[in-house]
Amino acid sequence: FAYRGHFKLFKSMEFLFNATRLDYRMHNKLLVVDNAIALVGGRNIGDQ
């Protein structure tokens, strides 16, 4: 997003005017260490 703050209204308005681009998201989850081992799956980073 161009808007880097956290006011939901501003972010929603930007999405409204740029939905075709901003609706496209990277949903991947991957960790690679030394190109030797990896962790892949469904978990994001967060307490939940």
All heavy atoms as atom14 arrays in JSON, in Angstrom:
{
  "sequence": "FAYRGHFKLFKSMEFLFNATRLDYRMHNKLLVVDNAIALVGGRNIGDQ",
  "atom14_mask": [
    [1, 1, 1, 1, 1, 1, 1, 1, 1, 1, 1, 0, 0, 0],
    [1, 1, 1, 1, 1, 0, 0, 0, 0, 0, 0, 0, 0, 0],
    [1, 1, 1, 1, 1, 1, 1, 1, 1, 1, 1, 1, 0, 0],
    [1, 1, 1, 1, 1, 1, 1, 1, 1, 1, 1, 0, 0, 0],
    [1, 1, 1, 1, 0, 0, 0, 0, 0, 0, 0, 0, 0, 0],
    [1, 1, 1, 1, 1, 1, 1, 1, 1, 1, 0, 0, 0, 0],
    [1, 1, 1, 1, 1, 1, 1, 1, 1, 1, 1, 0, 0, 0],
    [1, 1, 1, 1, 1, 1, 1, 1, 1, 0, 0, 0, 0, 0],
    [1, 1, 1, 1, 1, 1, 1, 1, 0, 0, 0, 0, 0, 0],
    [1, 1, 1, 1, 1, 1, 1, 1, 1, 1, 1, 0, 0, 0],
    [1, 1, 1, 1, 1, 1, 1, 1, 1, 0, 0, 0, 0, 0],
    [1, 1, 1, 1, 1, 1, 0, 0, 0, 0, 0, 0, 0, 0],
    [1, 1, 1, 1, 1, 1, 1, 1, 0, 0, 0, 0, 0, 0],
    [1, 1, 1, 1, 1, 1, 1, 1, 1, 0, 0, 0, 0, 0],
    [1, 1, 1, 1, 1, 1, 1, 1, 1, 1, 1, 0, 0, 0],
    [1, 1, 1, 1, 1, 1, 1, 1, 0, 0, 0, 0, 0, 0],
    [1, 1, 1, 1, 1, 1, 1, 1, 1, 1, 1, 0, 0, 0],
    [1, 1, 1, 1, 1, 1, 1, 1, 0, 0, 0, 0, 0, 0],
    [1, 1, 1, 1, 1, 0, 0, 0, 0, 0, 0, 0, 0, 0],
    [1, 1, 1, 1, 1, 1, 1, 0, 0, 0, 0, 0, 0, 0],
    [1, 1, 1, 1, 1, 1, 1, 1, 1, 1, 1, 0, 0, 0],
    [1, 1, 1, 1, 1, 1, 1, 1, 0, 0, 0, 0, 0, 0],
    [1, 1, 1, 1, 1, 1, 1, 1, 0, 0, 0, 0, 0, 0],
    [1, 1, 1, 1, 1, 1, 1, 1, 1, 1, 1, 1, 0, 0],
    [1, 1, 1, 1, 1, 1, 1, 1, 1, 1, 1, 0, 0, 0],
    [1, 1, 1, 1, 1, 1, 1, 1, 0, 0, 0, 0, 0, 0],
    [1, 1, 1, 1, 1, 1, 1, 1, 1, 1, 0, 0, 0, 0],
    [1, 1, 1, 1, 1, 1, 1, 1, 0, 0, 0, 0, 0, 0],
    [1, 1, 1, 1, 1, 1, 1, 1, 1, 0, 0, 0, 0, 0],
    [1, 1, 1, 1, 1, 1, 1, 1, 0, 0, 0, 0, 0, 0],
    [1, 1, 1, 1, 1, 1, 1, 1, 0, 0, 0, 0, 0, 0],
    [1, 1, 1, 1, 1, 1, 1, 0, 0, 0, 0, 0, 0, 0],
    [1, 1, 1, 1, 1, 1, 1, 0, 0, 0, 0, 0, 0, 0],
    [1, 1, 1, 1, 1, 1, 1, 1, 0, 0, 0, 0, 0, 0],
    [1, 1, 1, 1, 1, 1, 1, 1, 0, 0, 0, 0, 0, 0],
    [1, 1, 1, 1, 1, 0, 0, 0, 0, 0, 0, 0, 0, 0],
    [1, 1, 1, 1, 1, 1, 1, 1, 0, 0, 0, 0, 0, 0],
    [1, 1, 1, 1, 1, 0, 0, 0, 0, 0, 0, 0, 0, 0],
    [1, 1, 1, 1, 1, 1, 1, 1, 0, 0, 0, 0, 0, 0],
    [1, 1, 1, 1, 1, 1, 1, 0, 0, 0, 0, 0, 0, 0],
    [1, 1, 1, 1, 0, 0, 0, 0, 0, 0, 0, 0, 0, 0],
    [1, 1, 1, 1, 0, 0, 0, 0, 0, 0, 0, 0, 0, 0],
    [1, 1, 1, 1, 1, 1, 1, 1, 1, 1, 1, 0, 0, 0],
    [1, 1, 1, 1, 1, 1, 1, 1, 0, 0, 0, 0, 0, 0],
    [1, 1, 1, 1, 1, 1, 1, 1, 0, 0, 0, 0, 0, 0],
    [1, 1, 1, 1, 0, 0, 0, 0, 0, 0, 0, 0, 0, 0],
    [1, 1, 1, 1, 1, 1, 1, 1, 0, 0, 0, 0, 0, 0],
    [1, 1, 1, 1, 1, 1, 1, 1, 1, 0, 0, 0, 0, 0]
  ],
  "atom14_positions": [
    [[0.86, -1.17, 0.0], [0.0, 0.0, 0.0], [0.9, 1.23, 0.0], [2.0, 1.22, 0.56], [-0.88, 0.03, 1.24], [-2.08, -0.87, 1.18], [-1.94, -2.25, 1.29], [-3.35, -0.34, 1.04], [-3.04, -3.09, 1.23], [-4.46, -1.17, 0.99], [-4.31, -2.54, 1.09], [0.0, 0.0, 0.0], [0.0, 0.0, 0.0], [0.0, 0.0, 0.0]],
    [[0.42, 2.31, -0.6], [1.17, 3.56, -0.53], [1.05, 4.18, 0.86], [2.02, 4.68, 1.42], [0.65, 4.54, -1.58], [0.0, 0.0, 0.0], [0.0, 0.0, 0.0], [0.0, 0.0, 0.0], [0.0, 0.0, 0.0], [0.0, 0.0, 0.0], [0.0, 0.0, 0.0], [0.0, 0.0, 0.0], [0.0, 0.0, 0.0], [0.0, 0.0, 0.0]],
    [[-0.14, 4.1, 1.42], [-0.36, 4.63, 2.76], [0.28, 3.7, 3.78], [-0.02, 2.51, 3.83], [-1.86, 4.76, 3.03], [-2.19, 5.15, 4.45], [-1.77, 6.37, 4.99], [-2.91, 4.29, 5.27], [-2.06, 6.71, 6.3], [-3.21, 4.62, 6.58], [-2.77, 5.83, 7.09], [-3.05, 6.18, 8.39], [0.0, 0.0, 0.0], [0.0, 0.0, 0.0]],
    [[1.2, 4.21, 4.58], [1.97, 3.39, 5.51], [1.47, 3.45, 6.94], [2.09, 2.88, 7.84], [3.46, 3.78, 5.47], [4.12, 3.78, 4.1], [3.85, 2.51, 3.3], [4.31, 1.31, 3.99], [3.85, 0.09, 3.7], [2.91, -0.08, 2.8], [4.33, -0.95, 4.35], [0.0, 0.0, 0.0], [0.0, 0.0, 0.0], [0.0, 0.0, 0.0]],
    [[0.37, 4.16, 7.18], [-0.17, 4.26, 8.53], [-1.17, 3.14, 8.81], [-1.28, 2.17, 8.07], [0.0, 0.0, 0.0], [0.0, 0.0, 0.0], [0.0, 0.0, 0.0], [0.0, 0.0, 0.0], [0.0, 0.0, 0.0], [0.0, 0.0, 0.0], [0.0, 0.0, 0.0], [0.0, 0.0, 0.0], [0.0, 0.0, 0.0], [0.0, 0.0, 0.0]],
    [[-1.95, 3.32, 9.89], [-2.85, 2.26, 10.33], [-4.29, 2.73, 10.5], [-5.09, 2.04, 11.14], [-2.34, 1.65, 11.64], [-1.0, 0.99, 11.51], [-0.8, -0.17, 10.79], [0.23, 1.36, 11.96], [0.47, -0.51, 10.84], [1.12, 0.4, 11.54], [0.0, 0.0, 0.0], [0.0, 0.0, 0.0], [0.0, 0.0, 0.0], [0.0, 0.0, 0.0]],
    [[-4.64, 3.89, 9.94], [-6.04, 4.29, 9.96], [-6.79, 3.45, 8.93], [-6.52, 3.52, 7.73], [-6.19, 5.77, 9.64], [-5.74, 6.68, 10.75], [-4.54, 7.37, 10.66], [-6.51, 6.83, 11.89], [-4.11, 8.21, 11.68], [-6.09, 7.66, 12.92], [-4.89, 8.36, 12.82], [0.0, 0.0, 0.0], [0.0, 0.0, 0.0], [0.0, 0.0, 0.0]],
    [[-7.73, 2.64, 9.41], [-8.41, 1.7, 8.53], [-9.17, 2.42, 7.42], [-9.27, 1.9, 6.31], [-9.35, 0.81, 9.34], [-8.62, -0.19, 10.22], [-9.58, -1.15, 10.9], [-8.83, -2.18, 11.72], [-9.76, -3.13, 12.39], [0.0, 0.0, 0.0], [0.0, 0.0, 0.0], [0.0, 0.0, 0.0], [0.0, 0.0, 0.0], [0.0, 0.0, 0.0]],
    [[-9.7, 3.6, 7.72], [-10.44, 4.33, 6.7], [-9.54, 4.7, 5.54], [-9.9, 4.51, 4.37], [-11.06, 5.6, 7.31], [-11.78, 6.52, 6.31], [-12.94, 5.79, 5.65], [-12.26, 7.79, 7.02], [0.0, 0.0, 0.0], [0.0, 0.0, 0.0], [0.0, 0.0, 0.0], [0.0, 0.0, 0.0], [0.0, 0.0, 0.0], [0.0, 0.0, 0.0]],
    [[-8.34, 5.22, 5.84], [-7.41, 5.61, 4.78], [-7.0, 4.39, 3.94], [-6.95, 4.45, 2.72], [-6.17, 6.26, 5.37], [-6.41, 7.66, 5.91], [-7.66, 8.23, 5.85], [-5.37, 8.39, 6.46], [-7.89, 9.51, 6.33], [-5.57, 9.67, 6.94], [-6.84, 10.23, 6.88], [0.0, 0.0, 0.0], [0.0, 0.0, 0.0], [0.0, 0.0, 0.0]],
    [[-6.71, 3.29, 4.64], [-6.28, 2.1, 3.93], [-7.43, 1.54, 3.08], [-7.22, 1.09, 1.95], [-5.81, 1.05, 4.93], [-4.86, 0.02, 4.33], [-4.11, -0.74, 5.41], [-3.05, -1.65, 4.79], [-2.27, -2.37, 5.81], [0.0, 0.0, 0.0], [0.0, 0.0, 0.0], [0.0, 0.0, 0.0], [0.0, 0.0, 0.0], [0.0, 0.0, 0.0]],
    [[-8.63, 1.59, 3.61], [-9.79, 1.11, 2.85], [-10.05, 1.96, 1.62], [-10.41, 1.44, 0.56], [-11.03, 1.1, 3.75], [-10.87, 0.21, 4.83], [0.0, 0.0, 0.0], [0.0, 0.0, 0.0], [0.0, 0.0, 0.0], [0.0, 0.0, 0.0], [0.0, 0.0, 0.0], [0.0, 0.0, 0.0], [0.0, 0.0, 0.0], [0.0, 0.0, 0.0]],
    [[-9.85, 3.26, 1.76], [-10.06, 4.15, 0.62], [-9.02, 3.88, -0.46], [-9.34, 3.87, -1.66], [-10.0, 5.6, 1.07], [-11.21, 6.03, 1.89], [-12.74, 5.96, 0.96], [-12.46, 7.25, -0.26], [0.0, 0.0, 0.0], [0.0, 0.0, 0.0], [0.0, 0.0, 0.0], [0.0, 0.0, 0.0], [0.0, 0.0, 0.0], [0.0, 0.0, 0.0]],
    [[-7.79, 3.66, -0.05], [-6.76, 3.34, -1.05], [-7.1, 2.03, -1.76], [-6.95, 1.92, -2.98], [-5.38, 3.25, -0.41], [-4.3, 2.99, -1.45], [-2.9, 2.87, -0.87], [-2.71, 3.17, 0.33], [-1.99, 2.47, -1.62], [0.0, 0.0, 0.0], [0.0, 0.0, 0.0], [0.0, 0.0, 0.0], [0.0, 0.0, 0.0], [0.0, 0.0, 0.0]],
    [[-7.56, 1.05, -0.99], [-7.93, -0.21, -1.6], [-9.07, -0.02, -2.61], [-9.07, -0.61, -3.7], [-8.35, -1.21, -0.53], [-8.72, -2.57, -1.06], [-7.75, -3.54, -1.24], [-10.03, -2.87, -1.4], [-8.08, -4.78, -1.75], [-10.37, -4.1, -1.92], [-9.4, -5.07, -2.08], [0.0, 0.0, 0.0], [0.0, 0.0, 0.0], [0.0, 0.0, 0.0]],
    [[-10.03, 0.81, -2.24], [-11.18, 1.06, -3.11], [-10.74, 1.59, -4.47], [-11.26, 1.17, -5.51], [-12.14, 2.04, -2.44], [-13.41, 2.41, -3.21], [-14.3, 1.18, -3.37], [-14.17, 3.51, -2.47], [0.0, 0.0, 0.0], [0.0, 0.0, 0.0], [0.0, 0.0, 0.0], [0.0, 0.0, 0.0], [0.0, 0.0, 0.0], [0.0, 0.0, 0.0]],
    [[-9.77, 2.49, -4.48], [-9.32, 3.11, -5.72], [-8.26, 2.28, -6.45], [-7.94, 2.56, -7.61], [-8.77, 4.51, -5.44], [-9.85, 5.52, -5.16], [-10.12, 5.91, -3.85], [-10.6, 6.07, -6.18], [-11.12, 6.83, -3.58], [-11.59, 6.99, -5.93], [-11.87, 7.39, -4.62], [0.0, 0.0, 0.0], [0.0, 0.0, 0.0], [0.0, 0.0, 0.0]],
    [[-7.71, 1.24, -5.76], [-6.65, 0.43, -6.37], [-6.91, -1.06, -6.16], [-5.98, -1.85, -6.01], [-5.29, 0.79, -5.77], [-4.9, 2.22, -6.01], [-4.32, 2.55, -7.05], [-5.2, 3.09, -5.06], [0.0, 0.0, 0.0], [0.0, 0.0, 0.0], [0.0, 0.0, 0.0], [0.0, 0.0, 0.0], [0.0, 0.0, 0.0], [0.0, 0.0, 0.0]],
    [[-8.18, -1.46, -6.17], [-8.53, -2.82, -5.8], [-7.9, -3.87, -6.7], [-7.48, -4.93, -6.24], [-10.05, -2.98, -5.79], [0.0, 0.0, 0.0], [0.0, 0.0, 0.0], [0.0, 0.0, 0.0], [0.0, 0.0, 0.0], [0.0, 0.0, 0.0], [0.0, 0.0, 0.0], [0.0, 0.0, 0.0], [0.0, 0.0, 0.0], [0.0, 0.0, 0.0]],
    [[-7.81, -3.59, -7.99], [-7.28, -4.58, -8.92], [-5.86, -4.97, -8.53], [-5.48, -6.14, -8.58], [-7.29, -4.05, -10.35], [-8.64, -3.73, -10.71], [-6.74, -5.07, -11.31], [0.0, 0.0, 0.0], [0.0, 0.0, 0.0], [0.0, 0.0, 0.0], [0.0, 0.0, 0.0], [0.0, 0.0, 0.0], [0.0, 0.0, 0.0], [0.0, 0.0, 0.0]],
    [[-5.04, -3.98, -8.12], [-3.67, -4.27, -7.71], [-3.61, -4.8, -6.28], [-2.97, -5.81, -6.01], [-2.79, -3.02, -7.83], [-1.37, -3.24, -7.32], [-0.49, -2.02, -7.49], [-0.78, -0.93, -6.59], [-0.32, -0.84, -5.33], [0.42, -1.8, -4.82], [-0.62, 0.2, -4.6], [0.0, 0.0, 0.0], [0.0, 0.0, 0.0], [0.0, 0.0, 0.0]],
    [[-4.28, -4.12, -5.36], [-4.1, -4.41, -3.94], [-4.82, -5.68, -3.48], [-4.54, -6.19, -2.4], [-4.54, -3.21, -3.1], [-3.66, -1.97, -3.27], [-4.27, -0.78, -2.54], [-2.25, -2.24, -2.76], [0.0, 0.0, 0.0], [0.0, 0.0, 0.0], [0.0, 0.0, 0.0], [0.0, 0.0, 0.0], [0.0, 0.0, 0.0], [0.0, 0.0, 0.0]],
    [[-5.74, -6.18, -4.28], [-6.41, -7.42, -3.93], [-5.51, -8.64, -4.17], [-5.83, -9.75, -3.75], [-7.7, -7.56, -4.76], [-8.71, -8.47, -4.09], [-8.64, -8.64, -2.86], [-9.59, -9.01, -4.79], [0.0, 0.0, 0.0], [0.0, 0.0, 0.0], [0.0, 0.0, 0.0], [0.0, 0.0, 0.0], [0.0, 0.0, 0.0], [0.0, 0.0, 0.0]],
    [[-4.4, -8.43, -4.82], [-3.46, -9.5, -5.17], [-2.41, -9.62, -4.07], [-1.63, -8.69, -3.84], [-2.81, -9.18, -6.52], [-1.84, -10.23, -6.99], [-2.23, -11.55, -7.18], [-0.52, -9.9, -7.27], [-1.35, -12.51, -7.62], [0.38, -10.85, -7.73], [-0.05, -12.15, -7.9], [0.84, -13.11, -8.34], [0.0, 0.0, 0.0], [0.0, 0.0, 0.0]],
    [[-2.38, -10.76, -3.36], [-1.53, -10.86, -2.18], [-0.61, -12.08, -2.24], [-0.92, -13.08, -2.91], [-2.37, -10.97, -0.89], [-3.41, -9.92, -0.66], [-2.99, -8.49, -0.71], [-1.62, -8.16, -0.41], [-1.08, -6.98, -0.76], [-1.8, -6.06, -1.41], [0.17, -6.72, -0.46], [0.0, 0.0, 0.0], [0.0, 0.0, 0.0], [0.0, 0.0, 0.0]],
    [[0.51, -11.98, -1.53], [1.47, -13.07, -1.39], [1.16, -13.83, -0.1], [1.41, -13.34, 1.0], [2.9, -12.52, -1.34], [3.99, -13.59, -1.25], [5.6, -12.88, -0.8], [5.35, -12.51, 0.95], [0.0, 0.0, 0.0], [0.0, 0.0, 0.0], [0.0, 0.0, 0.0], [0.0, 0.0, 0.0], [0.0, 0.0, 0.0], [0.0, 0.0, 0.0]],
    [[0.61, -15.01, -0.21], [0.14, -15.79, 0.94], [1.17, -16.84, 1.38], [0.9, -17.65, 2.27], [-1.19, -16.47, 0.55], [-2.02, -16.92, 1.69], [-2.49, -18.22, 1.8], [-2.49, -16.27, 2.78], [-3.2, -18.33, 2.9], [-3.22, -17.18, 3.52], [0.0, 0.0, 0.0], [0.0, 0.0, 0.0], [0.0, 0.0, 0.0], [0.0, 0.0, 0.0]],
    [[2.36, -16.83, 0.8], [3.4, -17.84, 1.06], [3.92, -17.76, 2.49], [3.95, -16.68, 3.09], [4.57, -17.66, 0.11], [4.15, -17.62, -1.34], [3.12, -17.06, -1.69], [4.96, -18.2, -2.21], [0.0, 0.0, 0.0], [0.0, 0.0, 0.0], [0.0, 0.0, 0.0], [0.0, 0.0, 0.0], [0.0, 0.0, 0.0], [0.0, 0.0, 0.0]],
    [[4.35, -18.93, 3.01], [5.02, -19.0, 4.31], [6.22, -19.92, 4.17], [6.09, -21.13, 3.94], [4.09, -19.57, 5.4], [2.92, -18.66, 5.77], [1.67, -19.02, 5.04], [0.51, -18.16, 5.54], [-0.7, -18.35, 4.73], [0.0, 0.0, 0.0], [0.0, 0.0, 0.0], [0.0, 0.0, 0.0], [0.0, 0.0, 0.0], [0.0, 0.0, 0.0]],
    [[7.42, -19.36, 4.36], [8.64, -20.11, 4.11], [9.8, -19.55, 4.92], [9.97, -18.33, 5.0], [8.98, -20.06, 2.61], [10.29, -20.7, 2.15], [10.27, -22.21, 2.38], [10.53, -20.39, 0.67], [0.0, 0.0, 0.0], [0.0, 0.0, 0.0], [0.0, 0.0, 0.0], [0.0, 0.0, 0.0], [0.0, 0.0, 0.0], [0.0, 0.0, 0.0]],
    [[10.59, -20.44, 5.51], [11.84, -20.09, 6.18], [12.92, -21.02, 5.64], [12.75, -22.25, 5.66], [11.72, -20.25, 7.7], [13.02, -20.21, 8.52], [13.68, -18.85, 8.42], [12.75, -20.57, 9.97], [0.0, 0.0, 0.0], [0.0, 0.0, 0.0], [0.0, 0.0, 0.0], [0.0, 0.0, 0.0], [0.0, 0.0, 0.0], [0.0, 0.0, 0.0]],
    [[14.03, -20.45, 5.16], [15.15, -21.25, 4.66], [16.42, -20.8, 5.38], [16.72, -19.6, 5.44], [15.34, -21.09, 3.13], [16.46, -22.0, 2.65], [14.05, -21.42, 2.39], [0.0, 0.0, 0.0], [0.0, 0.0, 0.0], [0.0, 0.0, 0.0], [0.0, 0.0, 0.0], [0.0, 0.0, 0.0], [0.0, 0.0, 0.0], [0.0, 0.0, 0.0]],
    [[17.18, -21.76, 5.9], [18.41, -21.48, 6.63], [19.6, -22.09, 5.88], [19.63, -23.3, 5.63], [18.35, -22.07, 8.06], [19.66, -21.81, 8.81], [17.17, -21.49, 8.83], [0.0, 0.0, 0.0], [0.0, 0.0, 0.0], [0.0, 0.0, 0.0], [0.0, 0.0, 0.0], [0.0, 0.0, 0.0], [0.0, 0.0, 0.0], [0.0, 0.0, 0.0]],
    [[20.54, -21.24, 5.5], [21.78, -21.67, 4.83], [21.52, -22.48, 3.57], [22.39, -23.25, 3.12], [22.66, -22.48, 5.79], [23.29, -21.62, 6.88], [23.36, -20.39, 6.69], [23.72, -22.17, 7.9], [0.0, 0.0, 0.0], [0.0, 0.0, 0.0], [0.0, 0.0, 0.0], [0.0, 0.0, 0.0], [0.0, 0.0, 0.0], [0.0, 0.0, 0.0]],
    [[20.35, -22.34, 2.99], [19.97, -23.1, 1.79], [20.1, -24.6, 2.04], [20.24, -25.39, 1.09], [20.81, -22.69, 0.58], [20.17, -23.07, -0.75], [18.99, -23.41, -0.8], [20.94, -23.02, -1.82], [0.0, 0.0, 0.0], [0.0, 0.0, 0.0], [0.0, 0.0, 0.0], [0.0, 0.0, 0.0], [0.0, 0.0, 0.0], [0.0, 0.0, 0.0]],
    [[20.06, -25.01, 3.32], [20.27, -26.42, 3.69], [19.05, -27.04, 4.35], [18.81, -28.25, 4.21], [21.47, -26.53, 4.63], [0.0, 0.0, 0.0], [0.0, 0.0, 0.0], [0.0, 0.0, 0.0], [0.0, 0.0, 0.0], [0.0, 0.0, 0.0], [0.0, 0.0, 0.0], [0.0, 0.0, 0.0], [0.0, 0.0, 0.0], [0.0, 0.0, 0.0]],
    [[18.29, -26.25, 5.11], [17.07, -26.74, 5.76], [15.98, -25.69, 5.59], [16.27, -24.5, 5.38], [17.28, -27.04, 7.25], [17.79, -25.79, 7.99], [18.25, -28.21, 7.45], [17.84, -25.95, 9.51], [0.0, 0.0, 0.0], [0.0, 0.0, 0.0], [0.0, 0.0, 0.0], [0.0, 0.0, 0.0], [0.0, 0.0, 0.0], [0.0, 0.0, 0.0]],
    [[14.73, -26.13, 5.69], [13.62, -25.19, 5.47], [12.43, -25.6, 6.32], [12.32, -26.73, 6.79], [13.24, -25.16, 3.99], [0.0, 0.0, 0.0], [0.0, 0.0, 0.0], [0.0, 0.0, 0.0], [0.0, 0.0, 0.0], [0.0, 0.0, 0.0], [0.0, 0.0, 0.0], [0.0, 0.0, 0.0], [0.0, 0.0, 0.0], [0.0, 0.0, 0.0]],
    [[11.53, -24.65, 6.48], [10.25, -24.88, 7.15], [9.19, -24.24, 6.27], [9.25, -23.05, 5.96], [10.26, -24.23, 8.54], [9.28, -24.75, 9.59], [9.58, -26.2, 9.94], [9.34, -23.89, 10.85], [0.0, 0.0, 0.0], [0.0, 0.0, 0.0], [0.0, 0.0, 0.0], [0.0, 0.0, 0.0], [0.0, 0.0, 0.0], [0.0, 0.0, 0.0]],
    [[8.2, -25.05, 5.85], [7.16, -24.55, 4.96], [5.83, -25.1, 5.46], [5.76, -26.18, 6.05], [7.43, -24.98, 3.5], [7.4, -26.48, 3.33], [6.46, -24.32, 2.53], [0.0, 0.0, 0.0], [0.0, 0.0, 0.0], [0.0, 0.0, 0.0], [0.0, 0.0, 0.0], [0.0, 0.0, 0.0], [0.0, 0.0, 0.0], [0.0, 0.0, 0.0]],
    [[4.76, -24.34, 5.25], [3.45, -24.8, 5.71], [2.44, -23.68, 5.71], [2.44, -22.83, 4.81], [0.0, 0.0, 0.0], [0.0, 0.0, 0.0], [0.0, 0.0, 0.0], [0.0, 0.0, 0.0], [0.0, 0.0, 0.0], [0.0, 0.0, 0.0], [0.0, 0.0, 0.0], [0.0, 0.0, 0.0], [0.0, 0.0, 0.0], [0.0, 0.0, 0.0]],
    [[1.59, -23.66, 6.74], [0.5, -22.69, 6.78], [0.64, -21.61, 7.82], [-0.15, -20.67, 7.84], [0.0, 0.0, 0.0], [0.0, 0.0, 0.0], [0.0, 0.0, 0.0], [0.0, 0.0, 0.0], [0.0, 0.0, 0.0], [0.0, 0.0, 0.0], [0.0, 0.0, 0.0], [0.0, 0.0, 0.0], [0.0, 0.0, 0.0], [0.0, 0.0, 0.0]],
    [[1.64, -21.73, 8.72], [1.74, -20.78, 9.83], [2.33, -19.44, 9.41], [3.38, -19.39, 8.75], [2.6, -21.34, 10.96], [1.93, -22.44, 11.76], [2.73, -22.81, 13.0], [2.05, -23.83, 13.77], [2.36, -25.13, 13.74], [3.36, -25.54, 12.99], [1.67, -26.0, 14.46], [0.0, 0.0, 0.0], [0.0, 0.0, 0.0], [0.0, 0.0, 0.0]],
    [[1.67, -18.36, 9.83], [2.24, -17.02, 9.78], [3.08, -16.81, 11.04], [3.22, -17.71, 11.87], [1.13, -15.97, 9.72], [0.37, -16.0, 8.41], [0.94, -15.81, 7.35], [-0.93, -16.24, 8.48], [0.0, 0.0, 0.0], [0.0, 0.0, 0.0], [0.0, 0.0, 0.0], [0.0, 0.0, 0.0], [0.0, 0.0, 0.0], [0.0, 0.0, 0.0]],
    [[3.61, -15.6, 11.2], [4.35, -15.24, 12.42], [3.42, -14.45, 13.32], [2.95, -13.36, 12.97], [5.59, -14.38, 12.08], [6.51, -15.11, 11.1], [6.34, -14.01, 13.36], [7.08, -16.39, 11.61], [0.0, 0.0, 0.0], [0.0, 0.0, 0.0], [0.0, 0.0, 0.0], [0.0, 0.0, 0.0], [0.0, 0.0, 0.0], [0.0, 0.0, 0.0]],
    [[3.14, -15.01, 14.49], [2.25, -14.33, 15.43], [1.79, -15.27, 16.53], [1.77, -16.5, 16.37], [0.0, 0.0, 0.0], [0.0, 0.0, 0.0], [0.0, 0.0, 0.0], [0.0, 0.0, 0.0], [0.0, 0.0, 0.0], [0.0, 0.0, 0.0], [0.0, 0.0, 0.0], [0.0, 0.0, 0.0], [0.0, 0.0, 0.0], [0.0, 0.0, 0.0]],
    [[1.4, -14.72, 17.67], [1.01, -15.52, 18.83], [-0.12, -16.49, 18.53], [-0.14, -17.62, 19.02], [0.6, -14.6, 19.99], [1.75, -13.74, 20.5], [2.91, -13.97, 20.08], [1.49, -12.82, 21.31], [0.0, 0.0, 0.0], [0.0, 0.0, 0.0], [0.0, 0.0, 0.0], [0.0, 0.0, 0.0], [0.0, 0.0, 0.0], [0.0, 0.0, 0.0]],
    [[-1.11, -16.05, 17.74], [-2.24, -16.93, 17.41], [-1.78, -18.19, 16.69], [-2.26, -19.29, 16.97], [-3.23, -16.18, 16.51], [-3.9, -14.98, 17.14], [-4.65, -14.18, 16.08], [-4.08, -13.75, 15.1], [-5.95, -14.01, 16.29], [0.0, 0.0, 0.0], [0.0, 0.0, 0.0], [0.0, 0.0, 0.0], [0.0, 0.0, 0.0], [0.0, 0.0, 0.0]]
  ]
}
